[in-house]
Amino acid sequence: MSVAVKGDRNDTEKPKAGGVMEGRFGGVLSQVSAAGALIVVFIFLTFASPVFLTATNLFNVATQTAVVAIIAIGMTFVIITAGIDLSVGSVAALAGVLGVQLMVYYGVP
């Protein structure tokens, strides 16, 4: 019968730091800090530019981010189902190139 002494090679079990609650708190804290930073930037730009908080500008921002939002929603479902798909960026780039070629060469709106 051997006695495990601290520092002995048989003493492989180490105490866990933090635990589940610390991991959840860290995740919530990072989400809240990201949202807070976005709000700070939004407030700064509202005061820095008189045209930032207009309907035209907000519609333009929403239009420009629509493609990225659609791709992000699709990737969210892939990640939730424990999958991974690295081809999303290349498919989006290919769609952009094909769309531009259709516009330039064939006059497709």
PDB file of N, CA and C in Angstrom:
ATOM      1  N   MET A   1       0.837  -1.157   0.000  1.00  0.00           N
ATOM      2  CA  MET A   1       0.000   0.000   0.000  1.00  0.00           C
ATOM      3  C   MET A   1       0.890   1.231   0.000  1.00  0.00           C
ATOM      4  N   SER A   2       0.661   2.112  -0.948  1.00  0.00           N
ATOM      5  CA  SER A   2       1.509   3.297  -1.015  1.00  0.00           C
ATOM      6  C   SER A   2       0.717   4.521  -0.567  1.00  0.00           C
ATOM      7  N   VAL A   3       1.418   5.426  -0.010  1.00  0.00           N
ATOM      8  CA  VAL A   3       0.810   6.660   0.474  1.00  0.00           C
ATOM      9  C   VAL A   3       1.185   7.772  -0.492  1.00  0.00           C
ATOM     10  N   ALA A   4       0.165   8.480  -0.985  1.00  0.00           N
ATOM     11  CA  ALA A   4       0.429   9.580  -1.920  1.00  0.00           C
ATOM     12  C   ALA A   4       0.876  10.806  -1.142  1.00  0.00           C
ATOM     13  N   VAL A   5       2.020  11.285  -1.501  1.00  0.00           N
ATOM     14  CA  VAL A   5       2.578  12.475  -0.870  1.00  0.00           C
ATOM     15  C   VAL A   5       2.487  13.616  -1.874  1.00  0.00           C
ATOM     16  N   LYS A   6       2.203  14.806  -1.386  1.00  0.00           N
ATOM     17  CA  LYS A   6       2.105  15.943  -2.284  1.00  0.00           C
ATOM     18  C   LYS A   6       3.424  16.104  -3.025  1.00  0.00           C
ATOM     19  N   GLY A   7       3.322  16.203  -4.350  1.00  0.00           N
ATOM     20  CA  GLY A   7       4.521  16.303  -5.161  1.00  0.00           C
ATOM     21  C   GLY A   7       4.971  14.958  -5.691  1.00  0.00           C
ATOM     22  N   ASP A   8       4.365  13.883  -5.232  1.00  0.00           N
ATOM     23  CA  ASP A   8       4.701  12.547  -5.687  1.00  0.00           C
ATOM     24  C   ASP A   8       4.183  12.366  -7.113  1.00  0.00           C
ATOM     25  N   ARG A   9       4.797  11.508  -7.884  1.00  0.00           N
ATOM     26  CA  ARG A   9       4.371  11.267  -9.266  1.00  0.00           C
ATOM     27  C   ARG A   9       2.992  10.636  -9.346  1.00  0.00           C
ATOM     28  N   ASN A  10       2.564   9.942  -8.327  1.00  0.00           N
ATOM     29  CA  ASN A  10       1.240   9.319  -8.342  1.00  0.00           C
ATOM     30  C   ASN A  10       0.135  10.331  -8.035  1.00  0.00           C
ATOM     31  N   ASP A  11       0.485  11.502  -7.567  1.00  0.00           N
ATOM     32  CA  ASP A  11      -0.490  12.530  -7.217  1.00  0.00           C
ATOM     33  C   ASP A  11      -0.838  13.332  -8.485  1.00  0.00           C
ATOM     34  N   THR A  12      -1.702  12.784  -9.334  1.00  0.00           N
ATOM     35  CA  THR A  12      -2.026  13.432 -10.605  1.00  0.00           C
ATOM     36  C   THR A  12      -3.284  14.277 -10.531  1.00  0.00           C
ATOM     37  N   GLU A  13      -4.078  14.117  -9.512  1.00  0.00           N
ATOM     38  CA  GLU A  13      -5.314  14.880  -9.414  1.00  0.00           C
ATOM     39  C   GLU A  13      -5.012  16.260  -8.843  1.00  0.00           C
ATOM     40  N   LYS A  14      -5.387  17.284  -9.614  1.00  0.00           N
ATOM     41  CA  LYS A  14      -5.143  18.648  -9.184  1.00  0.00           C
ATOM     42  C   LYS A  14      -6.479  19.329  -8.933  1.00  0.00           C
ATOM     43  N   PRO A  15      -6.518  20.217  -7.994  1.00  0.00           N
ATOM     44  CA  PRO A  15      -7.782  20.915  -7.737  1.00  0.00           C
ATOM     45  C   PRO A  15      -8.133  21.830  -8.908  1.00  0.00           C
ATOM     46  N   LYS A  16      -9.429  21.896  -9.204  1.00  0.00           N
ATOM     47  CA  LYS A  16      -9.897  22.726 -10.306  1.00  0.00           C
ATOM     48  C   LYS A  16     -10.127  24.139  -9.796  1.00  0.00           C
ATOM     49  N   ALA A  17      -9.631  25.097 -10.572  1.00  0.00           N
ATOM     50  CA  ALA A  17      -9.824  26.492 -10.187  1.00  0.00           C
ATOM     51  C   ALA A  17     -11.126  26.993 -10.777  1.00  0.00           C
ATOM     52  N   GLY A  18     -11.877  27.732 -10.022  1.00  0.00           N
ATOM     53  CA  GLY A  18     -13.097  28.350 -10.535  1.00  0.00           C
ATOM     54  C   GLY A  18     -14.276  27.427 -10.460  1.00  0.00           C
ATOM     55  N   GLY A  19     -14.515  26.723 -11.505  1.00  0.00           N
ATOM     56  CA  GLY A  19     -15.662  25.836 -11.563  1.00  0.00           C
ATOM     57  C   GLY A  19     -16.631  26.285 -12.634  1.00  0.00           C
ATOM     58  N   VAL A  20     -17.820  25.733 -12.569  1.00  0.00           N
ATOM     59  CA  VAL A  20     -18.830  26.005 -13.589  1.00  0.00           C
ATOM     60  C   VAL A  20     -19.309  27.441 -13.511  1.00  0.00           C
ATOM     61  N   MET A  21     -19.525  27.949 -12.317  1.00  0.00           N
ATOM     62  CA  MET A  21     -20.063  29.298 -12.173  1.00  0.00           C
ATOM     63  C   MET A  21     -19.096  30.350 -12.709  1.00  0.00           C
ATOM     64  N   GLU A  22     -17.800  30.153 -12.499  1.00  0.00           N
ATOM     65  CA  GLU A  22     -16.832  31.115 -13.006  1.00  0.00           C
ATOM     66  C   GLU A  22     -16.812  31.104 -14.527  1.00  0.00           C
ATOM     67  N   GLY A  23     -16.953  29.951 -15.138  1.00  0.00           N
ATOM     68  CA  GLY A  23     -16.996  29.860 -16.593  1.00  0.00           C
ATOM     69  C   GLY A  23     -18.215  30.556 -17.163  1.00  0.00           C
ATOM     70  N   ARG A  24     -19.363  30.365 -16.532  1.00  0.00           N
ATOM     71  CA  ARG A  24     -20.586  31.027 -16.999  1.00  0.00           C
ATOM     72  C   ARG A  24     -20.496  32.528 -16.798  1.00  0.00           C
ATOM     73  N   PHE A  25     -19.956  32.954 -15.659  1.00  0.00           N
ATOM     74  CA  PHE A  25     -19.828  34.380 -15.391  1.00  0.00           C
ATOM     75  C   PHE A  25     -18.892  35.042 -16.382  1.00  0.00           C
ATOM     76  N   GLY A  26     -17.819  34.366 -16.729  1.00  0.00           N
ATOM     77  CA  GLY A  26     -16.880  34.909 -17.706  1.00  0.00           C
ATOM     78  C   GLY A  26     -17.519  35.064 -19.068  1.00  0.00           C
ATOM     79  N   GLY A  27     -18.366  34.106 -19.467  1.00  0.00           N
ATOM     80  CA  GLY A  27     -19.057  34.198 -20.740  1.00  0.00           C
ATOM     81  C   GLY A  27     -20.060  35.333 -20.763  1.00  0.00           C
ATOM     82  N   VAL A  28     -20.803  35.472 -19.677  1.00  0.00           N
ATOM     83  CA  VAL A  28     -21.784  36.561 -19.583  1.00  0.00           C
ATOM     84  C   VAL A  28     -21.063  37.902 -19.556  1.00  0.00           C
ATOM     85  N   LEU A  29     -19.969  37.976 -18.827  1.00  0.00           N
ATOM     86  CA  LEU A  29     -19.215  39.222 -18.742  1.00  0.00           C
ATOM     87  C   LEU A  29     -18.671  39.634 -20.103  1.00  0.00           C
ATOM     88  N   SER A  30     -18.171  38.692 -20.873  1.00  0.00           N
ATOM     89  CA  SER A  30     -17.648  39.043 -22.193  1.00  0.00           C
ATOM     90  C   SER A  30     -18.768  39.498 -23.121  1.00  0.00           C
ATOM     91  N   GLN A  31     -19.944  38.887 -23.028  1.00  0.00           N
ATOM     92  CA  GLN A  31     -21.078  39.302 -23.866  1.00  0.00           C
ATOM     93  C   GLN A  31     -21.543  40.701 -23.478  1.00  0.00           C
ATOM     94  N   VAL A  32     -21.634  40.960 -22.182  1.00  0.00           N
ATOM     95  CA  VAL A  32     -22.086  42.269 -21.719  1.00  0.00           C
ATOM     96  C   VAL A  32     -21.068  43.344 -22.089  1.00  0.00           C
ATOM     97  N   SER A  33     -19.794  43.041 -21.980  1.00  0.00           N
ATOM     98  CA  SER A  33     -18.781  44.040 -22.327  1.00  0.00           C
ATOM     99  C   SER A  33     -18.793  44.331 -23.825  1.00  0.00           C
ATOM    100  N   ALA A  34     -19.042  43.335 -24.660  1.00  0.00           N
ATOM    101  CA  ALA A  34     -19.140  43.574 -26.101  1.00  0.00           C
ATOM    102  C   ALA A  34     -20.353  44.438 -26.422  1.00  0.00           C
ATOM    103  N   ALA A  35     -21.482  44.171 -25.792  1.00  0.00           N
ATOM    104  CA  ALA A  35     -22.679  44.983 -26.006  1.00  0.00           C
ATOM    105  C   ALA A  35     -22.463  46.401 -25.478  1.00  0.00           C
ATOM    106  N   GLY A  36     -21.798  46.540 -24.357  1.00  0.00           N
ATOM    107  CA  GLY A  36     -21.501  47.859 -23.809  1.00  0.00           C
ATOM    108  C   GLY A  36     -20.596  48.668 -24.727  1.00  0.00           C
ATOM    109  N   ALA A  37     -19.589  48.022 -25.298  1.00  0.00           N
ATOM    110  CA  ALA A  37     -18.702  48.712 -26.232  1.00  0.00           C
ATOM    111  C   ALA A  37     -19.465  49.168 -27.469  1.00  0.00           C
ATOM    112  N   LEU A  38     -20.387  48.344 -27.954  1.00  0.00           N
ATOM    113  CA  LEU A  38     -21.198  48.722 -29.108  1.00  0.00           C
ATOM    114  C   LEU A  38     -22.078  49.927 -28.792  1.00  0.00           C
ATOM    115  N   ILE A  39     -22.642  49.953 -27.599  1.00  0.00           N
ATOM    116  CA  ILE A  39     -23.485  51.084 -27.193  1.00  0.00           C
ATOM    117  C   ILE A  39     -22.651  52.355 -27.066  1.00  0.00           C
ATOM    118  N   VAL A  40     -21.444  52.246 -26.526  1.00  0.00           N
ATOM    119  CA  VAL A  40     -20.572  53.412 -26.395  1.00  0.00           C
ATOM    120  C   VAL A  40     -20.208  53.966 -27.771  1.00  0.00           C
ATOM    121  N   VAL A  41     -19.875  53.101 -28.712  1.00  0.00           N
ATOM    122  CA  VAL A  41     -19.550  53.549 -30.070  1.00  0.00           C
ATOM    123  C   VAL A  41     -20.765  54.192 -30.719  1.00  0.00           C
ATOM    124  N   PHE A  42     -21.945  53.605 -30.534  1.00  0.00           N
ATOM    125  CA  PHE A  42     -23.178  54.154 -31.092  1.00  0.00           C
ATOM    126  C   PHE A  42     -23.445  55.562 -30.549  1.00  0.00           C
ATOM    127  N   ILE A  43     -23.286  55.746 -29.259  1.00  0.00           N
ATOM    128  CA  ILE A  43     -23.500  57.068 -28.652  1.00  0.00           C
ATOM    129  C   ILE A  43     -22.460  58.069 -29.142  1.00  0.00           C
ATOM    130  N   PHE A  44     -21.202  57.649 -29.225  1.00  0.00           N
ATOM    131  CA  PHE A  44     -20.149  58.537 -29.719  1.00  0.00           C
ATOM    132  C   PHE A  44     -20.430  58.988 -31.148  1.00  0.00           C
ATOM    133  N   LEU A  45     -20.803  58.054 -32.012  1.00  0.00           N
ATOM    134  CA  LEU A  45     -21.072  58.414 -33.405  1.00  0.00           C
ATOM    135  C   LEU A  45     -22.320  59.275 -33.550  1.00  0.00           C
ATOM    136  N   THR A  46     -23.270  59.112 -32.651  1.00  0.00           N
ATOM    137  CA  THR A  46     -24.462  59.957 -32.683  1.00  0.00           C
ATOM    138  C   THR A  46     -24.094  61.413 -32.442  1.00  0.00           C
ATOM    139  N   PHE A  47     -23.171  61.671 -31.511  1.00  0.00           N
ATOM    140  CA  PHE A  47     -22.760  63.038 -31.233  1.00  0.00           C
ATOM    141  C   PHE A  47     -21.703  63.543 -32.215  1.00  0.00           C
ATOM    142  N   ALA A  48     -20.889  62.654 -32.759  1.00  0.00           N
ATOM    143  CA  ALA A  48     -19.800  63.061 -33.649  1.00  0.00           C
ATOM    144  C   ALA A  48     -20.289  63.460 -35.033  1.00  0.00           C
ATOM    145  N   SER A  49     -21.364  62.870 -35.507  1.00  0.00           N
ATOM    146  CA  SER A  49     -21.849  63.151 -36.860  1.00  0.00           C
ATOM    147  C   SER A  49     -23.344  63.433 -36.814  1.00  0.00           C
ATOM    148  N   PRO A  50     -23.776  64.523 -37.416  1.00  0.00           N
ATOM    149  CA  PRO A  50     -25.208  64.836 -37.389  1.00  0.00           C
ATOM    150  C   PRO A  50     -26.050  63.929 -38.292  1.00  0.00           C
ATOM    151  N   VAL A  51     -25.414  63.215 -39.218  1.00  0.00           N
ATOM    152  CA  VAL A  51     -26.177  62.358 -40.131  1.00  0.00           C
ATOM    153  C   VAL A  51     -26.166  60.889 -39.712  1.00  0.00           C
ATOM    154  N   PHE A  52     -25.519  60.569 -38.590  1.00  0.00           N
ATOM    155  CA  PHE A  52     -25.433  59.159 -38.191  1.00  0.00           C
ATOM    156  C   PHE A  52     -26.785  58.590 -37.798  1.00  0.00           C
ATOM    157  N   LEU A  53     -27.557  59.326 -37.047  1.00  0.00           N
ATOM    158  CA  LEU A  53     -28.811  58.816 -36.518  1.00  0.00           C
ATOM    159  C   LEU A  53     -29.998  59.201 -37.404  1.00  0.00           C
ATOM    160  N   THR A  54     -29.804  59.150 -38.709  1.00  0.00           N
ATOM    161  CA  THR A  54     -30.902  59.408 -39.637  1.00  0.00           C
ATOM    162  C   THR A  54     -31.421  58.089 -40.186  1.00  0.00           C
ATOM    163  N   ALA A  55     -32.641  58.104 -40.670  1.00  0.00           N
ATOM    164  CA  ALA A  55     -33.250  56.881 -41.201  1.00  0.00           C
ATOM    165  C   ALA A  55     -32.485  56.370 -42.420  1.00  0.00           C
ATOM    166  N   THR A  56     -32.010  57.288 -43.251  1.00  0.00           N
ATOM    167  CA  THR A  56     -31.270  56.882 -44.461  1.00  0.00           C
ATOM    168  C   THR A  56     -29.989  56.153 -44.095  1.00  0.00           C
ATOM    169  N   ASN A  57     -29.232  56.681 -43.137  1.00  0.00           N
ATOM    170  CA  ASN A  57     -27.981  56.049 -42.743  1.00  0.00           C
ATOM    171  C   ASN A  57     -28.219  54.701 -42.072  1.00  0.00           C
ATOM    172  N   LEU A  58     -29.201  54.622 -41.185  1.00  0.00           N
ATOM    173  CA  LEU A  58     -29.484  53.352 -40.512  1.00  0.00           C
ATOM    174  C   LEU A  58     -29.957  52.293 -41.507  1.00  0.00           C
ATOM    175  N   PHE A  59     -30.760  52.705 -42.511  1.00  0.00           N
ATOM    176  CA  PHE A  59     -31.182  51.767 -43.552  1.00  0.00           C
ATOM    177  C   PHE A  59     -29.985  51.305 -44.380  1.00  0.00           C
ATOM    178  N   ASN A  60     -29.049  52.213 -44.657  1.00  0.00           N
ATOM    179  CA  ASN A  60     -27.842  51.860 -45.407  1.00  0.00           C
ATOM    180  C   ASN A  60     -26.986  50.864 -44.627  1.00  0.00           C
ATOM    181  N   VAL A  61     -26.824  51.085 -43.331  1.00  0.00           N
ATOM    182  CA  VAL A  61     -26.045  50.157 -42.493  1.00  0.00           C
ATOM    183  C   VAL A  61     -26.714  48.782 -42.463  1.00  0.00           C
ATOM    184  N   ALA A  62     -28.041  48.753 -42.318  1.00  0.00           N
ATOM    185  CA  ALA A  62     -28.767  47.477 -42.299  1.00  0.00           C
ATOM    186  C   ALA A  62     -28.636  46.741 -43.628  1.00  0.00           C
ATOM    187  N   THR A  63     -28.670  47.486 -44.728  1.00  0.00           N
ATOM    188  CA  THR A  63     -28.529  46.869 -46.053  1.00  0.00           C
ATOM    189  C   THR A  63     -27.140  46.270 -46.231  1.00  0.00           C
ATOM    190  N   GLN A  64     -26.116  46.973 -45.771  1.00  0.00           N
ATOM    191  CA  GLN A  64     -24.750  46.498 -45.948  1.00  0.00           C
ATOM    192  C   GLN A  64     -24.427  45.289 -45.068  1.00  0.00           C
ATOM    193  N   THR A  65     -25.093  45.166 -43.933  1.00  0.00           N
ATOM    194  CA  THR A  65     -24.797  44.044 -43.042  1.00  0.00           C
ATOM    195  C   THR A  65     -25.727  42.855 -43.245  1.00  0.00           C
ATOM    196  N   ALA A  66     -26.667  42.937 -44.161  1.00  0.00           N
ATOM    197  CA  ALA A  66     -27.646  41.861 -44.351  1.00  0.00           C
ATOM    198  C   ALA A  66     -26.987  40.558 -44.792  1.00  0.00           C
ATOM    199  N   VAL A  67     -26.032  40.631 -45.709  1.00  0.00           N
ATOM    200  CA  VAL A  67     -25.389  39.409 -46.213  1.00  0.00           C
ATOM    201  C   VAL A  67     -24.619  38.713 -45.096  1.00  0.00           C
ATOM    202  N   VAL A  68     -23.865  39.480 -44.326  1.00  0.00           N
ATOM    203  CA  VAL A  68     -23.100  38.893 -43.220  1.00  0.00           C
ATOM    204  C   VAL A  68     -24.041  38.311 -42.170  1.00  0.00           C
ATOM    205  N   ALA A  69     -25.167  38.972 -41.923  1.00  0.00           N
ATOM    206  CA  ALA A  69     -26.131  38.463 -40.938  1.00  0.00           C
ATOM    207  C   ALA A  69     -26.734  37.142 -41.393  1.00  0.00           C
ATOM    208  N   ILE A  70     -27.059  37.023 -42.667  1.00  0.00           N
ATOM    209  CA  ILE A  70     -27.617  35.765 -43.181  1.00  0.00           C
ATOM    210  C   ILE A  70     -26.609  34.634 -43.049  1.00  0.00           C
ATOM    211  N   ILE A  71     -25.356  34.906 -43.381  1.00  0.00           N
ATOM    212  CA  ILE A  71     -24.309  33.885 -43.256  1.00  0.00           C
ATOM    213  C   ILE A  71     -24.111  33.509 -41.787  1.00  0.00           C
ATOM    214  N   ALA A  72     -24.143  34.500 -40.892  1.00  0.00           N
ATOM    215  CA  ALA A  72     -23.957  34.234 -39.460  1.00  0.00           C
ATOM    216  C   ALA A  72     -25.097  33.388 -38.901  1.00  0.00           C
ATOM    217  N   ILE A  73     -26.321  33.640 -39.336  1.00  0.00           N
ATOM    218  CA  ILE A  73     -27.454  32.828 -38.867  1.00  0.00           C
ATOM    219  C   ILE A  73     -27.296  31.383 -39.331  1.00  0.00           C
ATOM    220  N   GLY A  74     -26.912  31.202 -40.576  1.00  0.00           N
ATOM    221  CA  GLY A  74     -26.688  29.841 -41.080  1.00  0.00           C
ATOM    222  C   GLY A  74     -25.579  29.126 -40.336  1.00  0.00           C
ATOM    223  N   MET A  75     -24.478  29.832 -40.052  1.00  0.00           N
ATOM    224  CA  MET A  75     -23.372  29.220 -39.320  1.00  0.00           C
ATOM    225  C   MET A  75     -23.752  28.919 -37.876  1.00  0.00           C
ATOM    226  N   THR A  76     -24.647  29.708 -37.310  1.00  0.00           N
ATOM    227  CA  THR A  76     -25.107  29.441 -35.949  1.00  0.00           C
ATOM    228  C   THR A  76     -25.798  28.088 -35.874  1.00  0.00           C
ATOM    229  N   PHE A  77     -26.641  27.796 -36.853  1.00  0.00           N
ATOM    230  CA  PHE A  77     -27.317  26.497 -36.862  1.00  0.00           C
ATOM    231  C   PHE A  77     -26.323  25.359 -37.074  1.00  0.00           C
ATOM    232  N   VAL A  78     -25.300  25.581 -37.882  1.00  0.00           N
ATOM    233  CA  VAL A  78     -24.284  24.541 -38.086  1.00  0.00           C
ATOM    234  C   VAL A  78     -23.528  24.275 -36.788  1.00  0.00           C
ATOM    235  N   ILE A  79     -23.166  25.317 -36.077  1.00  0.00           N
ATOM    236  CA  ILE A  79     -22.413  25.156 -34.831  1.00  0.00           C
ATOM    237  C   ILE A  79     -23.283  24.524 -33.749  1.00  0.00           C
ATOM    238  N   ILE A  80     -24.567  24.894 -33.691  1.00  0.00           N
ATOM    239  CA  ILE A  80     -25.471  24.312 -32.694  1.00  0.00           C
ATOM    240  C   ILE A  80     -25.595  22.805 -32.881  1.00  0.00           C
ATOM    241  N   THR A  81     -25.574  22.344 -34.109  1.00  0.00           N
ATOM    242  CA  THR A  81     -25.697  20.910 -34.381  1.00  0.00           C
ATOM    243  C   THR A  81     -24.353  20.191 -34.293  1.00  0.00           C
ATOM    244  N   ALA A  82     -23.373  20.828 -33.658  1.00  0.00           N
ATOM    245  CA  ALA A  82     -22.040  20.262 -33.409  1.00  0.00           C
ATOM    246  C   ALA A  82     -21.299  19.949 -34.694  1.00  0.00           C
ATOM    247  N   GLY A  83     -21.529  20.736 -35.709  1.00  0.00           N
ATOM    248  CA  GLY A  83     -20.805  20.567 -36.958  1.00  0.00           C
ATOM    249  C   GLY A  83     -19.886  21.746 -37.187  1.00  0.00           C
ATOM    250  N   ILE A  84     -19.086  21.636 -38.233  1.00  0.00           N
ATOM    251  CA  ILE A  84     -18.220  22.737 -38.612  1.00  0.00           C
ATOM    252  C   ILE A  84     -18.149  22.753 -40.129  1.00  0.00           C
ATOM    253  N   ASP A  85     -18.221  23.947 -40.686  1.00  0.00           N
ATOM    254  CA  ASP A  85     -18.207  24.079 -42.135  1.00  0.00           C
ATOM    255  C   ASP A  85     -17.316  25.264 -42.478  1.00  0.00           C
ATOM    256  N   LEU A  86     -16.153  24.976 -43.029  1.00  0.00           N
ATOM    257  CA  LEU A  86     -15.201  26.024 -43.348  1.00  0.00           C
ATOM    258  C   LEU A  86     -15.392  26.595 -44.749  1.00  0.00           C
ATOM    259  N   SER A  87     -16.350  26.083 -45.500  1.00  0.00           N
ATOM    260  CA  SER A  87     -16.517  26.519 -46.880  1.00  0.00           C
ATOM    261  C   SER A  87     -17.416  27.735 -47.013  1.00  0.00           C
ATOM    262  N   VAL A  88     -17.931  28.269 -45.929  1.00  0.00           N
ATOM    263  CA  VAL A  88     -18.887  29.374 -46.002  1.00  0.00           C
ATOM    264  C   VAL A  88     -18.251  30.609 -46.624  1.00  0.00           C
ATOM    265  N   GLY A  89     -17.061  30.949 -46.215  1.00  0.00           N
ATOM    266  CA  GLY A  89     -16.393  32.133 -46.760  1.00  0.00           C
ATOM    267  C   GLY A  89     -16.110  32.007 -48.236  1.00  0.00           C
ATOM    268  N   SER A  90     -15.657  30.857 -48.669  1.00  0.00           N
ATOM    269  CA  SER A  90     -15.359  30.682 -50.090  1.00  0.00           C
ATOM    270  C   SER A  90     -16.629  30.644 -50.929  1.00  0.00           C
ATOM    271  N   VAL A  91     -17.708  30.095 -50.400  1.00  0.00           N
ATOM    272  CA  VAL A  91     -18.977  30.095 -51.137  1.00  0.00           C
ATOM    273  C   VAL A  91     -19.512  31.517 -51.250  1.00  0.00           C
ATOM    274  N   ALA A  92     -19.389  32.316 -50.202  1.00  0.00           N
ATOM    275  CA  ALA A  92     -19.828  33.710 -50.256  1.00  0.00           C
ATOM    276  C   ALA A  92     -18.992  34.498 -51.258  1.00  0.00           C
ATOM    277  N   ALA A  93     -17.693  34.269 -51.293  1.00  0.00           N
ATOM    278  CA  ALA A  93     -16.834  34.948 -52.258  1.00  0.00           C
ATOM    279  C   ALA A  93     -17.169  34.531 -53.689  1.00  0.00           C
ATOM    280  N   LEU A  94     -17.411  33.243 -53.898  1.00  0.00           N
ATOM    281  CA  LEU A  94     -17.785  32.763 -55.223  1.00  0.00           C
ATOM    282  C   LEU A  94     -19.106  33.361 -55.673  1.00  0.00           C
ATOM    283  N   ALA A  95     -20.070  33.457 -54.780  1.00  0.00           N
ATOM    284  CA  ALA A  95     -21.356  34.064 -55.117  1.00  0.00           C
ATOM    285  C   ALA A  95     -21.181  35.532 -55.477  1.00  0.00           C
ATOM    286  N   GLY A  96     -20.307  36.238 -54.761  1.00  0.00           N
ATOM    287  CA  GLY A  96     -20.039  37.638 -55.086  1.00  0.00           C
ATOM    288  C   GLY A  96     -19.412  37.809 -56.450  1.00  0.00           C
ATOM    289  N   VAL A  97     -18.433  36.962 -56.773  1.00  0.00           N
ATOM    290  CA  VAL A  97     -17.771  37.035 -58.071  1.00  0.00           C
ATOM    291  C   VAL A  97     -18.747  36.711 -59.201  1.00  0.00           C
ATOM    292  N   LEU A  98     -19.552  35.668 -59.021  1.00  0.00           N
ATOM    293  CA  LEU A  98     -20.532  35.317 -60.048  1.00  0.00           C
ATOM    294  C   LEU A  98     -21.587  36.406 -60.214  1.00  0.00           C
ATOM    295  N   GLY A  99     -22.004  37.012 -59.110  1.00  0.00           N
ATOM    296  CA  GLY A  99     -22.978  38.101 -59.183  1.00  0.00           C
ATOM    297  C   GLY A  99     -22.436  39.293 -59.943  1.00  0.00           C
ATOM    298  N   VAL A 100     -21.181  39.667 -59.692  1.00  0.00           N
ATOM    299  CA  VAL A 100     -20.572  40.792 -60.398  1.00  0.00           C
ATOM    300  C   VAL A 100     -20.411  40.475 -61.878  1.00  0.00           C
ATOM    301  N   GLN A 101     -20.008  39.256 -62.204  1.00  0.00           N
ATOM    302  CA  GLN A 101     -19.867  38.889 -63.616  1.00  0.00           C
ATOM    303  C   GLN A 101     -21.211  38.902 -64.337  1.00  0.00           C
ATOM    304  N   LEU A 102     -22.251  38.447 -63.672  1.00  0.00           N
ATOM    305  CA  LEU A 102     -23.584  38.512 -64.292  1.00  0.00           C
ATOM    306  C   LEU A 102     -24.004  39.960 -64.527  1.00  0.00           C
ATOM    307  N   MET A 103     -23.681  40.847 -63.598  1.00  0.00           N
ATOM    308  CA  MET A 103     -24.035  42.255 -63.766  1.00  0.00           C
ATOM    309  C   MET A 103     -23.256  42.906 -64.902  1.00  0.00           C
ATOM    310  N   VAL A 104     -21.956  42.642 -64.964  1.00  0.00           N
ATOM    311  CA  VAL A 104     -21.100  43.312 -65.939  1.00  0.00           C
ATOM    312  C   VAL A 104     -21.299  42.767 -67.346  1.00  0.00           C
ATOM    313  N   TYR A 105     -21.284  41.466 -67.491  1.00  0.00           N
ATOM    314  CA  TYR A 105     -21.308  40.867 -68.828  1.00  0.00           C
ATOM    315  C   TYR A 105     -22.703  40.640 -69.405  1.00  0.00           C
ATOM    316  N   TYR A 106     -23.692  40.421 -68.548  1.00  0.00           N
ATOM    317  CA  TYR A 106     -25.020  40.076 -69.039  1.00  0.00           C
ATOM    318  C   TYR A 106     -26.076  41.098 -68.647  1.00  0.00           C
ATOM    319  N   GLY A 107     -25.724  42.137 -67.936  1.00  0.00           N
ATOM    320  CA  GLY A 107     -26.669  43.191 -67.592  1.00  0.00           C
ATOM    321  C   GLY A 107     -27.740  42.794 -66.601  1.00  0.00           C
ATOM    322  N   VAL A 108     -27.487  41.768 -65.828  1.00  0.00           N
ATOM    323  CA  VAL A 108     -28.458  41.334 -64.821  1.00  0.00           C
ATOM    324  C   VAL A 108     -28.458  42.357 -63.683  1.00  0.00           C
ATOM    325  N   PRO A 109     -29.640  42.847 -63.287  1.00  0.00           N
ATOM    326  CA  PRO A 109     -29.666  43.846 -62.222  1.00  0.00           C
ATOM    327  C   PRO A 109     -29.308  43.249 -60.861  1.00  0.00           C
TER     328      PRO A 109
END
